[in-house]
Amino acid sequence: MTRRALALLLTLALAAGCGDAADDAAVPDRAPDVTGVVATPGTAAEPVLVDASDPYYEGMSLLRGDPVVLGAGGDAAPADLRAGVPVEVWTAGACAESYPVQCEILAVRVLD
């Protein structure tokens, strides 16, 4: 194998690994604040959390703020937050005391 081909392969391997590190960096280095299942109640287009591991977060919007959405294998998008999909959720700071609670979402990891 030529040096140029070897250098190209090494560059591609390093570039592929960088995406995973960036995704991991987007998720806070702590346990998720809550887990649950995605729902889209009524005709609302915005996904919410149901069957929350902590009832305080029941019905919370999953797209409030500018959250990073990750799949179990890495990249995902808000469109991946389909009804019935289990998720882990990380919030930022204090939440607005309303019903449902209003929290700024840092990251959502799709588990399915």
C-alpha atoms as a PDB file:
ATOM      1  CA  MET A   1       0.000   0.000   0.000  1.00  0.00           C
ATOM      2  CA  THR A   2       1.385   3.415  -0.882  1.00  0.00           C
ATOM      3  CA  ARG A   3       2.003   6.097   1.717  1.00  0.00           C
ATOM      4  CA  ARG A   4      -0.712   8.264   0.170  1.00  0.00           C
ATOM      5  CA  ALA A   5      -3.312   5.478   0.435  1.00  0.00           C
ATOM      6  CA  LEU A   6      -2.251   4.707   3.992  1.00  0.00           C
ATOM      7  CA  ALA A   7      -2.494   8.396   4.939  1.00  0.00           C
ATOM      8  CA  LEU A   8      -5.964   8.607   3.388  1.00  0.00           C
ATOM      9  CA  LEU A   9      -7.171   5.552   5.319  1.00  0.00           C
ATOM     10  CA  LEU A  10      -5.782   6.934   8.567  1.00  0.00           C
ATOM     11  CA  THR A  11      -7.451  10.309   7.957  1.00  0.00           C
ATOM     12  CA  LEU A  12     -10.807   8.664   7.237  1.00  0.00           C
ATOM     13  CA  ALA A  13     -10.564   6.504  10.363  1.00  0.00           C
ATOM     14  CA  LEU A  14      -9.793   9.516  12.537  1.00  0.00           C
ATOM     15  CA  ALA A  15     -12.595  11.572  10.995  1.00  0.00           C
ATOM     16  CA  ALA A  16     -15.107   8.774  11.623  1.00  0.00           C
ATOM     17  CA  GLY A  17     -14.161   8.667  15.295  1.00  0.00           C
ATOM     18  CA  CYS A  18     -14.562  12.429  15.732  1.00  0.00           C
ATOM     19  CA  GLY A  19     -18.338  12.321  15.210  1.00  0.00           C
ATOM     20  CA  ASP A  20     -18.839   9.938  18.105  1.00  0.00           C
ATOM     21  CA  ALA A  21     -16.743  12.065  20.462  1.00  0.00           C
ATOM     22  CA  ALA A  22     -18.761  15.164  19.570  1.00  0.00           C
ATOM     23  CA  ASP A  23     -22.024  13.304  20.199  1.00  0.00           C
ATOM     24  CA  ASP A  24     -20.801  12.054  23.577  1.00  0.00           C
ATOM     25  CA  ALA A  25     -19.699  15.578  24.509  1.00  0.00           C
ATOM     26  CA  ALA A  26     -23.240  16.855  23.847  1.00  0.00           C
ATOM     27  CA  VAL A  27     -24.655  14.634  26.595  1.00  0.00           C
ATOM     28  CA  PRO A  28     -23.921  15.887  30.119  1.00  0.00           C
ATOM     29  CA  ASP A  29     -21.496  13.756  32.123  1.00  0.00           C
ATOM     30  CA  ARG A  30     -24.160  12.625  34.595  1.00  0.00           C
ATOM     31  CA  ALA A  31     -27.151  10.356  34.776  1.00  0.00           C
ATOM     32  CA  PRO A  32     -30.228  11.557  32.867  1.00  0.00           C
ATOM     33  CA  ASP A  33     -32.682  13.667  34.849  1.00  0.00           C
ATOM     34  CA  VAL A  34     -35.597  11.550  33.680  1.00  0.00           C
ATOM     35  CA  THR A  35     -36.460   8.666  31.383  1.00  0.00           C
ATOM     36  CA  GLY A  36     -39.747   7.939  29.706  1.00  0.00           C
ATOM     37  CA  VAL A  37     -41.545   7.458  26.424  1.00  0.00           C
ATOM     38  CA  VAL A  38     -42.261   9.931  23.620  1.00  0.00           C
ATOM     39  CA  ALA A  39     -45.872  10.877  22.896  1.00  0.00           C
ATOM     40  CA  THR A  40     -47.502  13.354  20.527  1.00  0.00           C
ATOM     41  CA  PRO A  41     -50.805  14.223  22.186  1.00  0.00           C
ATOM     42  CA  GLY A  42     -53.760  15.181  20.018  1.00  0.00           C
ATOM     43  CA  THR A  43     -52.735  17.028  16.883  1.00  0.00           C
ATOM     44  CA  ALA A  44     -49.680  18.609  18.535  1.00  0.00           C
ATOM     45  CA  ALA A  45     -46.564  18.248  16.426  1.00  0.00           C
ATOM     46  CA  GLU A  46     -44.210  18.712  19.373  1.00  0.00           C
ATOM     47  CA  PRO A  47     -43.228  15.517  21.210  1.00  0.00           C
ATOM     48  CA  VAL A  48     -43.737  15.293  24.970  1.00  0.00           C
ATOM     49  CA  LEU A  49     -42.588  12.886  27.683  1.00  0.00           C
ATOM     50  CA  VAL A  50     -45.014  10.328  29.142  1.00  0.00           C
ATOM     51  CA  ASP A  51     -44.541   7.386  31.504  1.00  0.00           C
ATOM     52  CA  ALA A  52     -41.838   9.510  33.119  1.00  0.00           C
ATOM     53  CA  SER A  53     -39.564   7.879  35.694  1.00  0.00           C
ATOM     54  CA  ASP A  54     -40.292  10.960  37.862  1.00  0.00           C
ATOM     55  CA  PRO A  55     -43.935  12.178  37.723  1.00  0.00           C
ATOM     56  CA  TYR A  56     -42.718  15.799  37.991  1.00  0.00           C
ATOM     57  CA  TYR A  57     -41.678  15.634  34.313  1.00  0.00           C
ATOM     58  CA  GLU A  58     -44.873  14.023  32.967  1.00  0.00           C
ATOM     59  CA  GLY A  59     -46.069  15.824  29.810  1.00  0.00           C
ATOM     60  CA  MET A  60     -42.888  17.941  29.477  1.00  0.00           C
ATOM     61  CA  SER A  61     -41.977  19.156  25.981  1.00  0.00           C
ATOM     62  CA  LEU A  62     -38.883  17.382  24.656  1.00  0.00           C
ATOM     63  CA  LEU A  63     -37.857  20.175  22.281  1.00  0.00           C
ATOM     64  CA  ARG A  64     -37.915  23.193  24.617  1.00  0.00           C
ATOM     65  CA  GLY A  65     -34.653  25.084  24.213  1.00  0.00           C
ATOM     66  CA  ASP A  66     -32.202  23.813  21.636  1.00  0.00           C
ATOM     67  CA  PRO A  67     -31.651  20.182  22.643  1.00  0.00           C
ATOM     68  CA  VAL A  68     -29.229  17.762  21.071  1.00  0.00           C
ATOM     69  CA  VAL A  69     -31.082  14.617  19.968  1.00  0.00           C
ATOM     70  CA  LEU A  70     -29.011  11.440  19.844  1.00  0.00           C
ATOM     71  CA  GLY A  71     -29.867   7.923  18.802  1.00  0.00           C
ATOM     72  CA  ALA A  72     -28.639   4.768  20.492  1.00  0.00           C
ATOM     73  CA  GLY A  73     -26.080   4.430  17.700  1.00  0.00           C
ATOM     74  CA  GLY A  74     -25.080   8.109  17.587  1.00  0.00           C
ATOM     75  CA  ASP A  75     -26.747  10.715  15.386  1.00  0.00           C
ATOM     76  CA  ALA A  76     -30.477  11.316  15.492  1.00  0.00           C
ATOM     77  CA  ALA A  77     -32.818  14.219  14.794  1.00  0.00           C
ATOM     78  CA  PRO A  78     -35.961  15.654  16.382  1.00  0.00           C
ATOM     79  CA  ALA A  79     -37.939  13.689  13.758  1.00  0.00           C
ATOM     80  CA  ASP A  80     -36.687  10.504  15.495  1.00  0.00           C
ATOM     81  CA  LEU A  81     -38.770  11.416  18.557  1.00  0.00           C
ATOM     82  CA  ARG A  82     -41.712   9.295  17.426  1.00  0.00           C
ATOM     83  CA  ALA A  83     -44.571   8.216  19.667  1.00  0.00           C
ATOM     84  CA  GLY A  84     -43.737   5.138  21.718  1.00  0.00           C
ATOM     85  CA  VAL A  85     -39.942   5.504  21.568  1.00  0.00           C
ATOM     86  CA  PRO A  86     -38.137   5.288  24.957  1.00  0.00           C
ATOM     87  CA  VAL A  87     -35.781   8.185  25.774  1.00  0.00           C
ATOM     88  CA  GLU A  88     -33.337   9.542  28.346  1.00  0.00           C
ATOM     89  CA  VAL A  89     -33.548  13.298  28.998  1.00  0.00           C
ATOM     90  CA  TRP A  90     -31.113  15.819  30.485  1.00  0.00           C
ATOM     91  CA  THR A  91     -32.395  19.243  31.585  1.00  0.00           C
ATOM     92  CA  ALA A  92     -30.605  22.529  32.343  1.00  0.00           C
ATOM     93  CA  GLY A  93     -31.069  24.395  35.597  1.00  0.00           C
ATOM     94  CA  ALA A  94     -34.410  25.096  37.197  1.00  0.00           C
ATOM     95  CA  CYS A  95     -37.700  24.319  35.511  1.00  0.00           C
ATOM     96  CA  ALA A  96     -40.722  26.644  35.336  1.00  0.00           C
ATOM     97  CA  GLU A  97     -43.290  25.424  37.862  1.00  0.00           C
ATOM     98  CA  SER A  98     -46.285  24.901  35.626  1.00  0.00           C
ATOM     99  CA  TYR A  99     -48.234  21.920  34.429  1.00  0.00           C
ATOM    100  CA  PRO A 100     -46.748  20.410  32.502  1.00  0.00           C
ATOM    101  CA  VAL A 101     -43.396  21.520  33.834  1.00  0.00           C
ATOM    102  CA  GLN A 102     -41.317  23.643  31.447  1.00  0.00           C
ATOM    103  CA  CYS A 103     -37.626  22.769  31.417  1.00  0.00           C
ATOM    104  CA  GLU A 104     -34.866  23.736  29.024  1.00  0.00           C
ATOM    105  CA  ILE A 105     -33.769  20.437  27.487  1.00  0.00           C
ATOM    106  CA  LEU A 106     -30.028  19.928  26.974  1.00  0.00           C
ATOM    107  CA  ALA A 107     -30.085  16.477  25.380  1.00  0.00           C
ATOM    108  CA  VAL A 108     -32.446  13.635  24.500  1.00  0.00           C
ATOM    109  CA  ARG A 109     -31.106  10.160  23.755  1.00  0.00           C
ATOM    110  CA  VAL A 110     -33.403   7.827  21.806  1.00  0.00           C
ATOM    111  CA  LEU A 111     -33.024   4.325  23.259  1.00  0.00           C
ATOM    112  CA  ASP A 112     -34.831   2.326  20.600  1.00  0.00           C
END
